Amino acid sequence: MALQTIIEQAWENRDLLKEQATVDAVRAVIEELDKGRLRVAEPNGDEWKVNEWVKKAVLMYFPIQAMKTIEVGPFEFHDKIALKTNYAAQGVRVVPHAIARYGSFLEKGVIMMPSYVNIGAYVGEGTMVDTWATVGSCAQVGKNVHLSGGVGLGGVLEPVQAAPVIIEDNAFIGSRSILVEGCRIGREAVIGAGVTITGSSKIIDVTGSEPKEYKGYVPPRSVVIPGSYTKKFPAGDFQVPCALIIGQRKESTDLKTSLNDALRENAVAV
């Protein structure tokens, strides 16, 4: 029986988690995630396809795992999920005290400063996960992305049909930015320091004569800073956070030069 079929049946009938065949299937899915052969979400043309059954397997992995003590030198942890290992063979640089959980995938050339990558996450080749950045469960991070210090990518496990946080190739995410609830950052976008984007956040393009609004999606090559807009409440008018698109990275230059130009020209803090 195909893995997907077993997972779907167990999702509808949790009693099946008592059967060894189901337990083996759930663990097989997590192993495939750990090796990057399966993904919670994957590119589908210009859109992304969410593999709901894979998210279901991640959710069902927790109840079949027993708590155990994990000792790493003088450090001790008590959890249900093991840590990733064998980084040298994978070509991944991991600086103490970086932690990635088993069931996450780090492609060759990833650098993890002291940071955290959760189960189900995918981090593409050449990406920097800088100090105290967190990559939440099932978040999808592309190639050559820079997650600056303290960036928080939220985990999205439930509802299973919800898209995870997606950061596409060559994006730059500024310090202390918070990206959650399945928001999507287009390729080569520049997110300034302190920007918060959720799946329902207003992202307003103010580069034209009239504002253009997006929800939870930053188009490719956009340069984004924190902003606010006025919203009426029963108690009066108050400022509500949003994100502002104030420019574009140039396609005529290489990515490094383009990034520097975007920051300099638009005075964006990172």
C-alpha atoms as a PDB file:
ATOM      1  CA  MET A   1       0.000   0.000   0.000  1.00  0.00           C
ATOM      2  CA  ALA A   2       1.337   3.469  -0.892  1.00  0.00           C
ATOM      3  CA  LEU A   3       2.597   5.655   1.950  1.00  0.00           C
ATOM      4  CA  GLN A   4       0.072   8.374   1.166  1.00  0.00           C
ATOM      5  CA  THR A   5      -2.833   5.938   1.380  1.00  0.00           C
ATOM      6  CA  ILE A   6      -1.692   4.610   4.767  1.00  0.00           C
ATOM      7  CA  ILE A   7      -1.251   8.144   6.114  1.00  0.00           C
ATOM      8  CA  GLU A   8      -4.663   9.291   4.881  1.00  0.00           C
ATOM      9  CA  GLN A   9      -6.383   6.256   6.415  1.00  0.00           C
ATOM     10  CA  ALA A  10      -4.652   6.766   9.752  1.00  0.00           C
ATOM     11  CA  TRP A  11      -5.575  10.455   9.739  1.00  0.00           C
ATOM     12  CA  GLU A  12      -9.254   9.466   9.557  1.00  0.00           C
ATOM     13  CA  ASN A  13      -8.901   6.608  12.037  1.00  0.00           C
ATOM     14  CA  ARG A  14      -6.265   7.231  14.713  1.00  0.00           C
ATOM     15  CA  ASP A  15      -6.698   3.697  16.069  1.00  0.00           C
ATOM     16  CA  LEU A  16      -4.567   2.651  13.103  1.00  0.00           C
ATOM     17  CA  LEU A  17      -1.595   4.313  14.832  1.00  0.00           C
ATOM     18  CA  LYS A  18      -1.568   1.262  17.096  1.00  0.00           C
ATOM     19  CA  GLU A  19      -0.612  -0.920  14.112  1.00  0.00           C
ATOM     20  CA  GLN A  20       3.054  -1.383  13.280  1.00  0.00           C
ATOM     21  CA  ALA A  21       2.518  -0.928   9.543  1.00  0.00           C
ATOM     22  CA  THR A  22       1.081   2.542  10.171  1.00  0.00           C
ATOM     23  CA  VAL A  23       3.865   3.482  12.576  1.00  0.00           C
ATOM     24  CA  ASP A  24       6.431   2.364  10.011  1.00  0.00           C
ATOM     25  CA  ALA A  25       4.715   4.442   7.314  1.00  0.00           C
ATOM     26  CA  VAL A  26       4.703   7.603   9.435  1.00  0.00           C
ATOM     27  CA  ARG A  27       8.372   7.142  10.262  1.00  0.00           C
ATOM     28  CA  ALA A  28       9.174   6.496   6.602  1.00  0.00           C
ATOM     29  CA  VAL A  29       7.620   9.848   5.649  1.00  0.00           C
ATOM     30  CA  ILE A  30       9.672  11.690   8.280  1.00  0.00           C
ATOM     31  CA  GLU A  31      12.816   9.978   6.988  1.00  0.00           C
ATOM     32  CA  GLU A  32      11.976  11.132   3.450  1.00  0.00           C
ATOM     33  CA  LEU A  33      11.536  14.686   4.751  1.00  0.00           C
ATOM     34  CA  ASP A  34      14.848  14.466   6.581  1.00  0.00           C
ATOM     35  CA  LYS A  35      16.624  13.461   3.364  1.00  0.00           C
ATOM     36  CA  GLY A  36      14.825  16.067   1.220  1.00  0.00           C
ATOM     37  CA  ARG A  37      13.129  13.488  -0.969  1.00  0.00           C
ATOM     38  CA  LEU A  38       9.690  14.676   0.179  1.00  0.00           C
ATOM     39  CA  ARG A  39       8.562  18.225   0.916  1.00  0.00           C
ATOM     40  CA  VAL A  40       5.595  19.645   2.772  1.00  0.00           C
ATOM     41  CA  ALA A  41       5.147  22.106  -0.112  1.00  0.00           C
ATOM     42  CA  GLU A  42       6.824  22.377  -3.491  1.00  0.00           C
ATOM     43  CA  PRO A  43       6.879  24.785  -6.430  1.00  0.00           C
ATOM     44  CA  ASN A  44       4.193  24.199  -9.042  1.00  0.00           C
ATOM     45  CA  GLY A  45       4.824  26.681 -11.837  1.00  0.00           C
ATOM     46  CA  ASP A  46       4.444  30.149 -10.354  1.00  0.00           C
ATOM     47  CA  GLU A  47       2.431  28.781  -7.435  1.00  0.00           C
ATOM     48  CA  TRP A  48       3.111  26.333  -4.609  1.00  0.00           C
ATOM     49  CA  LYS A  49       1.456  22.983  -3.985  1.00  0.00           C
ATOM     50  CA  VAL A  50       0.881  21.918  -0.374  1.00  0.00           C
ATOM     51  CA  ASN A  51       1.245  18.183   0.229  1.00  0.00           C
ATOM     52  CA  GLU A  52      -1.373  17.903   2.950  1.00  0.00           C
ATOM     53  CA  TRP A  53      -0.757  14.209   3.557  1.00  0.00           C
ATOM     54  CA  VAL A  54       2.864  14.922   4.436  1.00  0.00           C
ATOM     55  CA  LYS A  55       1.783  17.469   7.045  1.00  0.00           C
ATOM     56  CA  LYS A  56      -0.592  14.849   8.423  1.00  0.00           C
ATOM     57  CA  ALA A  57       2.328  12.450   8.818  1.00  0.00           C
ATOM     58  CA  VAL A  58       4.306  15.103  10.726  1.00  0.00           C
ATOM     59  CA  LEU A  59       1.374  15.654  13.091  1.00  0.00           C
ATOM     60  CA  MET A  60       0.988  11.927  13.678  1.00  0.00           C
ATOM     61  CA  TYR A  61       4.707  11.485  14.301  1.00  0.00           C
ATOM     62  CA  PHE A  62       4.495  13.134  17.715  1.00  0.00           C
ATOM     63  CA  PRO A  63       2.041  10.679  19.347  1.00  0.00           C
ATOM     64  CA  ILE A  64       3.990   7.615  18.204  1.00  0.00           C
ATOM     65  CA  GLN A  65       7.286   8.891  19.630  1.00  0.00           C
ATOM     66  CA  ALA A  66       8.329   8.305  23.228  1.00  0.00           C
ATOM     67  CA  MET A  67      10.013  10.968  25.326  1.00  0.00           C
ATOM     68  CA  LYS A  68      13.719  10.308  25.733  1.00  0.00           C
ATOM     69  CA  THR A  69      16.776  12.003  27.120  1.00  0.00           C
ATOM     70  CA  ILE A  70      19.251  13.307  24.535  1.00  0.00           C
ATOM     71  CA  GLU A  71      22.761  14.029  25.767  1.00  0.00           C
ATOM     72  CA  VAL A  72      25.147  16.231  23.798  1.00  0.00           C
ATOM     73  CA  GLY A  73      28.349  16.606  25.747  1.00  0.00           C
ATOM     74  CA  PRO A  74      27.433  18.507  28.930  1.00  0.00           C
ATOM     75  CA  PHE A  75      24.029  19.456  27.499  1.00  0.00           C
ATOM     76  CA  GLU A  76      20.861  17.482  28.100  1.00  0.00           C
ATOM     77  CA  PHE A  77      17.489  17.608  26.339  1.00  0.00           C
ATOM     78  CA  HIS A  78      14.249  15.710  26.961  1.00  0.00           C
ATOM     79  CA  ASP A  79      12.076  15.409  23.861  1.00  0.00           C
ATOM     80  CA  LYS A  80      10.322  13.129  21.385  1.00  0.00           C
ATOM     81  CA  ILE A  81      12.319  14.041  18.286  1.00  0.00           C
ATOM     82  CA  ALA A  82      16.008  13.434  17.675  1.00  0.00           C
ATOM     83  CA  LEU A  83      18.444  16.047  16.399  1.00  0.00           C
ATOM     84  CA  LYS A  84      19.894  15.977  12.889  1.00  0.00           C
ATOM     85  CA  THR A  85      23.346  14.469  12.576  1.00  0.00           C
ATOM     86  CA  ASN A  86      26.088  13.809  10.003  1.00  0.00           C
ATOM     87  CA  TYR A  87      26.421  17.423   8.854  1.00  0.00           C
ATOM     88  CA  ALA A  88      29.886  17.013   7.333  1.00  0.00           C
ATOM     89  CA  ALA A  89      28.657  14.416   4.844  1.00  0.00           C
ATOM     90  CA  GLN A  90      25.783  16.744   3.909  1.00  0.00           C
ATOM     91  CA  GLY A  91      28.090  19.699   3.306  1.00  0.00           C
ATOM     92  CA  VAL A  92      26.343  21.829   5.934  1.00  0.00           C
ATOM     93  CA  ARG A  93      28.150  24.194   8.326  1.00  0.00           C
ATOM     94  CA  VAL A  94      26.643  24.203  11.795  1.00  0.00           C
ATOM     95  CA  VAL A  95      28.033  26.649  14.363  1.00  0.00           C
ATOM     96  CA  PRO A  96      27.500  25.879  18.076  1.00  0.00           C
ATOM     97  CA  HIS A  97      24.713  26.209  19.333  1.00  0.00           C
ATOM     98  CA  ALA A  98      22.704  25.715  16.178  1.00  0.00           C
ATOM     99  CA  ILE A  99      20.014  23.031  16.310  1.00  0.00           C
ATOM    100  CA  ALA A 100      18.067  21.322  13.536  1.00  0.00           C
ATOM    101  CA  ARG A 101      15.528  18.649  14.337  1.00  0.00           C
ATOM    102  CA  TYR A 102      15.356  15.301  12.587  1.00  0.00           C
ATOM    103  CA  GLY A 103      12.750  15.543   9.826  1.00  0.00           C
ATOM    104  CA  SER A 104      14.013  18.908   8.590  1.00  0.00           C
ATOM    105  CA  PHE A 105      16.193  19.160   5.491  1.00  0.00           C
ATOM    106  CA  LEU A 106      19.295  21.281   4.976  1.00  0.00           C
ATOM    107  CA  GLU A 107      20.693  21.348   1.467  1.00  0.00           C
ATOM    108  CA  LYS A 108      24.420  21.442   0.705  1.00  0.00           C
ATOM    109  CA  GLY A 109      26.042  24.783   1.474  1.00  0.00           C
ATOM    110  CA  VAL A 110      23.595  25.857   4.188  1.00  0.00           C
ATOM    111  CA  ILE A 111      25.207  27.747   7.074  1.00  0.00           C
ATOM    112  CA  MET A 112      23.538  27.684  10.470  1.00  0.00           C
ATOM    113  CA  MET A 113      24.783  30.189  13.001  1.00  0.00           C
ATOM    114  CA  PRO A 114      23.351  29.603  16.503  1.00  0.00           C
ATOM    115  CA  SER A 115      19.765  29.146  15.330  1.00  0.00           C
ATOM    116  CA  TYR A 116      16.903  26.652  15.120  1.00  0.00           C
ATOM    117  CA  VAL A 117      15.285  24.666  12.296  1.00  0.00           C
ATOM    118  CA  ASN A 118      12.143  22.674  13.126  1.00  0.00           C
ATOM    119  CA  ILE A 119      10.740  19.404  11.763  1.00  0.00           C
ATOM    120  CA  GLY A 120       9.286  19.526   8.263  1.00  0.00           C
ATOM    121  CA  ALA A 121      11.265  22.614   7.276  1.00  0.00           C
ATOM    122  CA  TYR A 122      13.272  22.759   4.035  1.00  0.00           C
ATOM    123  CA  VAL A 123      16.292  25.050   3.689  1.00  0.00           C
ATOM    124  CA  GLY A 124      17.828  25.404   0.225  1.00  0.00           C
ATOM    125  CA  GLU A 125      21.427  25.391  -0.954  1.00  0.00           C
ATOM    126  CA  GLY A 126      23.665  28.268   0.084  1.00  0.00           C
ATOM    127  CA  THR A 127      21.212  29.790   2.549  1.00  0.00           C
ATOM    128  CA  MET A 128      22.458  31.554   5.676  1.00  0.00           C
ATOM    129  CA  VAL A 129      20.413  31.040   8.844  1.00  0.00           C
ATOM    130  CA  ASP A 130      21.934  33.787  10.939  1.00  0.00           C
ATOM    131  CA  THR A 131      22.209  34.107  14.722  1.00  0.00           C
ATOM    132  CA  TRP A 132      19.025  33.375  16.680  1.00  0.00           C
ATOM    133  CA  ALA A 133      16.947  33.028  13.527  1.00  0.00           C
ATOM    134  CA  THR A 134      14.219  30.393  13.723  1.00  0.00           C
ATOM    135  CA  VAL A 135      12.813  28.354  10.849  1.00  0.00           C
ATOM    136  CA  GLY A 136       9.439  27.047  12.024  1.00  0.00           C
ATOM    137  CA  SER A 137       7.890  23.666  11.328  1.00  0.00           C
ATOM    138  CA  CYS A 138       7.298  23.059   7.610  1.00  0.00           C
ATOM    139  CA  ALA A 139       8.673  26.464   6.524  1.00  0.00           C
ATOM    140  CA  GLN A 140      10.121  26.346   2.999  1.00  0.00           C
ATOM    141  CA  VAL A 141      13.245  28.413   2.384  1.00  0.00           C
ATOM    142  CA  GLY A 142      14.807  28.629  -1.074  1.00  0.00           C
ATOM    143  CA  LYS A 143      18.390  28.766  -2.309  1.00  0.00           C
ATOM    144  CA  ASN A 144      20.837  31.561  -1.418  1.00  0.00           C
ATOM    145  CA  VAL A 145      18.438  33.190   1.037  1.00  0.00           C
ATOM    146  CA  HIS A 146      19.796  35.282   3.913  1.00  0.00           C
ATOM    147  CA  LEU A 147      17.814  35.062   7.131  1.00  0.00           C
ATOM    148  CA  SER A 148      19.358  37.834   9.212  1.00  0.00           C
ATOM    149  CA  GLY A 149      19.808  37.805  12.978  1.00  0.00           C
ATOM    150  CA  GLY A 150      16.661  37.114  14.965  1.00  0.00           C
ATOM    151  CA  VAL A 151      14.383  36.465  11.991  1.00  0.00           C
ATOM    152  CA  GLY A 152      11.348  34.396  12.935  1.00  0.00           C
ATOM    153  CA  LEU A 153       9.694  32.171  10.338  1.00  0.00           C
ATOM    154  CA  GLY A 154       6.526  30.754  11.853  1.00  0.00           C
ATOM    155  CA  GLY A 155       5.549  27.114  11.829  1.00  0.00           C
ATOM    156  CA  VAL A 156       2.336  26.118  10.058  1.00  0.00           C
ATOM    157  CA  LEU A 157       1.162  22.573  10.804  1.00  0.00           C
ATOM    158  CA  GLU A 158      -2.568  23.079  11.223  1.00  0.00           C
ATOM    159  CA  PRO A 159      -4.891  23.352   9.455  1.00  0.00           C
ATOM    160  CA  VAL A 160      -3.235  20.828   7.174  1.00  0.00           C
ATOM    161  CA  GLN A 161      -4.484  22.568   4.022  1.00  0.00           C
ATOM    162  CA  ALA A 162      -2.762  25.816   5.016  1.00  0.00           C
ATOM    163  CA  ALA A 163       0.380  26.752   3.120  1.00  0.00           C
ATOM    164  CA  PRO A 164       3.558  27.021   5.200  1.00  0.00           C
ATOM    165  CA  VAL A 165       5.734  30.115   5.303  1.00  0.00           C
ATOM    166  CA  ILE A 166       7.529  30.246   1.952  1.00  0.00           C
ATOM    167  CA  ILE A 167      10.702  32.223   1.225  1.00  0.00           C
ATOM    168  CA  GLU A 168      11.718  31.944  -2.421  1.00  0.00           C
ATOM    169  CA  ASP A 169      15.261  31.909  -3.876  1.00  0.00           C
ATOM    170  CA  ASN A 170      17.711  34.782  -3.295  1.00  0.00           C
ATOM    171  CA  ALA A 171      15.478  36.699  -0.877  1.00  0.00           C
ATOM    172  CA  PHE A 172      17.038  38.820   1.875  1.00  0.00           C
ATOM    173  CA  ILE A 173      15.158  38.915   5.192  1.00  0.00           C
ATOM    174  CA  GLY A 174      16.247  41.732   7.504  1.00  0.00           C
ATOM    175  CA  SER A 175      16.964  41.497  11.222  1.00  0.00           C
ATOM    176  CA  ARG A 176      14.105  40.745  13.612  1.00  0.00           C
ATOM    177  CA  SER A 177      11.553  40.370  10.819  1.00  0.00           C
ATOM    178  CA  ILE A 178       8.616  38.094  11.662  1.00  0.00           C
ATOM    179  CA  LEU A 179       7.014  36.124   8.827  1.00  0.00           C
ATOM    180  CA  VAL A 180       4.165  33.833   9.882  1.00  0.00           C
ATOM    181  CA  GLU A 181       0.799  32.255   9.019  1.00  0.00           C
ATOM    182  CA  GLY A 182       1.748  30.995   5.592  1.00  0.00           C
ATOM    183  CA  CYS A 183       2.939  34.257   4.046  1.00  0.00           C
ATOM    184  CA  ARG A 184       4.988  34.015   0.859  1.00  0.00           C
ATOM    185  CA  ILE A 185       8.039  36.109   0.008  1.00  0.00           C
ATOM    186  CA  GLY A 186       8.822  36.197  -3.721  1.00  0.00           C
ATOM    187  CA  ARG A 187      12.251  35.516  -5.166  1.00  0.00           C
ATOM    188  CA  GLU A 188      14.927  38.198  -4.707  1.00  0.00           C
ATOM    189  CA  ALA A 189      12.712  40.288  -2.417  1.00  0.00           C
ATOM    190  CA  VAL A 190      14.339  42.462   0.245  1.00  0.00           C
ATOM    191  CA  ILE A 191      12.535  42.596   3.590  1.00  0.00           C
ATOM    192  CA  GLY A 192      13.780  45.413   5.810  1.00  0.00           C
ATOM    193  CA  ALA A 193      14.463  45.067   9.527  1.00  0.00           C
ATOM    194  CA  GLY A 194      11.487  44.645  11.807  1.00  0.00           C
ATOM    195  CA  VAL A 195       8.873  43.903   9.145  1.00  0.00           C
ATOM    196  CA  THR A 196       6.004  41.704  10.332  1.00  0.00           C
ATOM    197  CA  ILE A 197       3.953  39.842   7.733  1.00  0.00           C
ATOM    198  CA  THR A 198       1.174  37.342   8.387  1.00  0.00           C
ATOM    199  CA  GLY A 199      -1.072  35.529   5.942  1.00  0.00           C
ATOM    200  CA  SER A 200      -3.611  38.338   6.282  1.00  0.00           C
ATOM    201  CA  SER A 201      -1.268  41.322   6.539  1.00  0.00           C
ATOM    202  CA  LYS A 202      -1.760  44.258   4.222  1.00  0.00           C
ATOM    203  CA  ILE A 203       1.259  44.720   1.980  1.00  0.00           C
ATOM    204  CA  ILE A 204       0.877  48.012   0.142  1.00  0.00           C
ATOM    205  CA  ASP A 205       2.872  48.923  -2.952  1.00  0.00           C
ATOM    206  CA  VAL A 206       3.368  52.692  -2.731  1.00  0.00           C
ATOM    207  CA  THR A 207       5.703  53.063  -5.708  1.00  0.00           C
ATOM    208  CA  GLY A 208       2.991  54.179  -8.141  1.00  0.00           C
ATOM    209  CA  SER A 209       0.524  57.046  -8.237  1.00  0.00           C
ATOM    210  CA  GLU A 210      -2.061  54.836  -6.486  1.00  0.00           C
ATOM    211  CA  PRO A 211      -1.469  52.239  -3.759  1.00  0.00           C
ATOM    212  CA  LYS A 212      -1.729  48.571  -4.748  1.00  0.00           C
ATOM    213  CA  GLU A 213      -2.560  46.085  -2.020  1.00  0.00           C
ATOM    214  CA  TYR A 214      -1.507  42.466  -1.481  1.00  0.00           C
ATOM    215  CA  LYS A 215      -2.436  40.071   1.347  1.00  0.00           C
ATOM    216  CA  GLY A 216       0.342  37.945   2.820  1.00  0.00           C
ATOM    217  CA  TYR A 217       2.326  37.950  -0.438  1.00  0.00           C
ATOM    218  CA  VAL A 218       5.388  39.969  -1.407  1.00  0.00           C
ATOM    219  CA  PRO A 219       5.976  39.994  -5.193  1.00  0.00           C
ATOM    220  CA  PRO A 220       9.441  39.121  -6.552  1.00  0.00           C
ATOM    221  CA  ARG A 221      12.236  41.717  -6.176  1.00  0.00           C
ATOM    222  CA  SER A 222      10.154  43.979  -3.945  1.00  0.00           C
ATOM    223  CA  VAL A 223      11.882  46.144  -1.330  1.00  0.00           C
ATOM    224  CA  VAL A 224       9.743  46.200   1.820  1.00  0.00           C
ATOM    225  CA  ILE A 225       9.809  48.272   5.029  1.00  0.00           C
ATOM    226  CA  PRO A 226       7.486  48.477   8.067  1.00  0.00           C
ATOM    227  CA  GLY A 227       4.519  50.825   7.732  1.00  0.00           C
ATOM    228  CA  SER A 228       1.087  51.567   9.144  1.00  0.00           C
ATOM    229  CA  TYR A 229      -2.355  52.663   8.006  1.00  0.00           C
ATOM    230  CA  THR A 230      -5.327  54.227   9.768  1.00  0.00           C
ATOM    231  CA  LYS A 231      -8.206  51.965  10.752  1.00  0.00           C
ATOM    232  CA  LYS A 232     -11.487  52.989  12.330  1.00  0.00           C
ATOM    233  CA  PHE A 233     -12.532  51.328  15.593  1.00  0.00           C
ATOM    234  CA  PRO A 234     -15.512  52.058  17.884  1.00  0.00           C
ATOM    235  CA  ALA A 235     -13.127  53.963  20.140  1.00  0.00           C
ATOM    236  CA  GLY A 236     -11.684  56.028  17.318  1.00  0.00           C
ATOM    237  CA  ASP A 237      -9.088  55.957  14.558  1.00  0.00           C
ATOM    238  CA  PHE A 238      -5.840  54.127  15.258  1.00  0.00           C
ATOM    239  CA  GLN A 239      -2.710  53.110  13.378  1.00  0.00           C
ATOM    240  CA  VAL A 240      -2.447  49.437  12.394  1.00  0.00           C
ATOM    241  CA  PRO A 241       0.823  47.823  11.223  1.00  0.00           C
ATOM    242  CA  CYS A 242       1.334  46.918   7.570  1.00  0.00           C
ATOM    243  CA  ALA A 243       4.255  46.481   5.185  1.00  0.00           C
ATOM    244  CA  LEU A 244       5.131  48.943   2.448  1.00  0.00           C
ATOM    245  CA  ILE A 245       6.705  48.098  -0.905  1.00  0.00           C
ATOM    246  CA  ILE A 246       8.870  51.124  -1.644  1.00  0.00           C
ATOM    247  CA  GLY A 247      10.970  49.931  -4.583  1.00  0.00           C
ATOM    248  CA  GLN A 248      12.337  47.084  -6.673  1.00  0.00           C
ATOM    249  CA  ARG A 249      15.675  45.339  -6.969  1.00  0.00           C
ATOM    250  CA  LYS A 250      17.166  45.950 -10.392  1.00  0.00           C
ATOM    251  CA  GLU A 251      17.276  42.997 -12.769  1.00  0.00           C
ATOM    252  CA  SER A 252      20.163  44.569 -14.704  1.00  0.00           C
ATOM    253  CA  THR A 253      22.743  43.870 -11.991  1.00  0.00           C
ATOM    254  CA  ASP A 254      23.888  40.775 -10.163  1.00  0.00           C
ATOM    255  CA  LEU A 255      22.067  39.887  -6.959  1.00  0.00           C
ATOM    256  CA  LYS A 256      24.719  41.166  -4.559  1.00  0.00           C
ATOM    257  CA  THR A 257      25.007  44.525  -6.275  1.00  0.00           C
ATOM    258  CA  SER A 258      21.257  44.701  -6.658  1.00  0.00           C
ATOM    259  CA  LEU A 259      20.776  44.116  -2.938  1.00  0.00           C
ATOM    260  CA  ASN A 260      23.251  46.826  -1.990  1.00  0.00           C
ATOM    261  CA  ASP A 261      21.652  49.246  -4.454  1.00  0.00           C
ATOM    262  CA  ALA A 262      18.170  48.507  -3.152  1.00  0.00           C
ATOM    263  CA  LEU A 263      19.192  49.164   0.421  1.00  0.00           C
ATOM    264  CA  ARG A 264      21.149  52.326  -0.412  1.00  0.00           C
ATOM    265  CA  GLU A 265      18.623  53.827  -2.809  1.00  0.00           C
ATOM    266  CA  ASN A 266      15.632  53.184  -0.541  1.00  0.00           C
ATOM    267  CA  ALA A 267      17.377  53.733   2.804  1.00  0.00           C
ATOM    268  CA  VAL A 268      16.244  50.352   4.133  1.00  0.00           C
ATOM    269  CA  ALA A 269      17.625  49.153   7.466  1.00  0.00           C
ATOM    270  CA  VAL A 270      18.576  45.495   7.738  1.00  0.00           C
END
